[in-house]
Amino acid sequence: MKESPQTLQDLPVRIPPLPREKWTDAAREVFTFWGEPGAEENGSQTTSQMVLANHPPLAMAFNRFGKHLLIDNTAPSWARELVTLRVAWHLKSQYEWHYHVGYALNLGMTLEQVADVGVGPDAGSWSEVDAALLRCVDELWENSRVTDATWSVLAQHYSTEQLMDLIFALGHYVMLGWAFAAFGVQLEDGVDPIGFDLKTRSGRAPEATYKPGEGEGWANT
């Protein structure tokens, strides 16, 4: 797998986390949207929310849509994480990659399978439908189209609603990766970043992590 030409630390911070002196009631609604303990008083522990809080109306619209795609999505969690990881790999979006590797491991995906996301749909570990999910991302990334052959495989396994959710999730994470790169959103202090080679700064193996609301302490992972 190729490493990103830029790490998050190399990206210029163009829109920093909202400073405390600018914390309005509207900004506090952004901090608390995901149910993070203590966020109203102390701000969110997630850099992304603190950056988005610079524009509360946009942040709240984005969060409502993001909650559907991350939590209320009709598509199976495994399929969503495959799609999201492949998008993050194409974008070299370390913020997305870092968190969704942990989410994928929490679903039972192995580190070998996560590594194969970077190899792509032709890696030997994938089922027919998993390969089609990765190929769908690649086809849209390269040609802005999904071939009939790929769609046919997906349509055998997913309902219309699930297919719609998967495609919107794919596009959502492309948009998010671009925004974070443009804004210069950094991983949180104290995070042990997971590289695209699945190595961490500390040398420890990546571990499973929780999505918002899935378990205690999710905001610290």
Foldseek 3Di string as FASTA:
>chain_A
DDFDPDDLVRFDQQQFFDDPVPDDPLLLCLQCVLPDPPCSPVNALWRVSRRCSVPSVVSVVLVVVVCCLQPVAPADPLLLLLLQLLLCLVLVQQVSNQQSVQQNVVVVDDPVVSLCSNVALPDPPDDPLSSLSRVQLVCCVVPVDRDPVSVVSNVVPDDPSNVVSSVVSNVSSNVVSVVCSVNSRDGGPPDQTQTSNQATPVRDGDHHADDRPPDPPRSVD
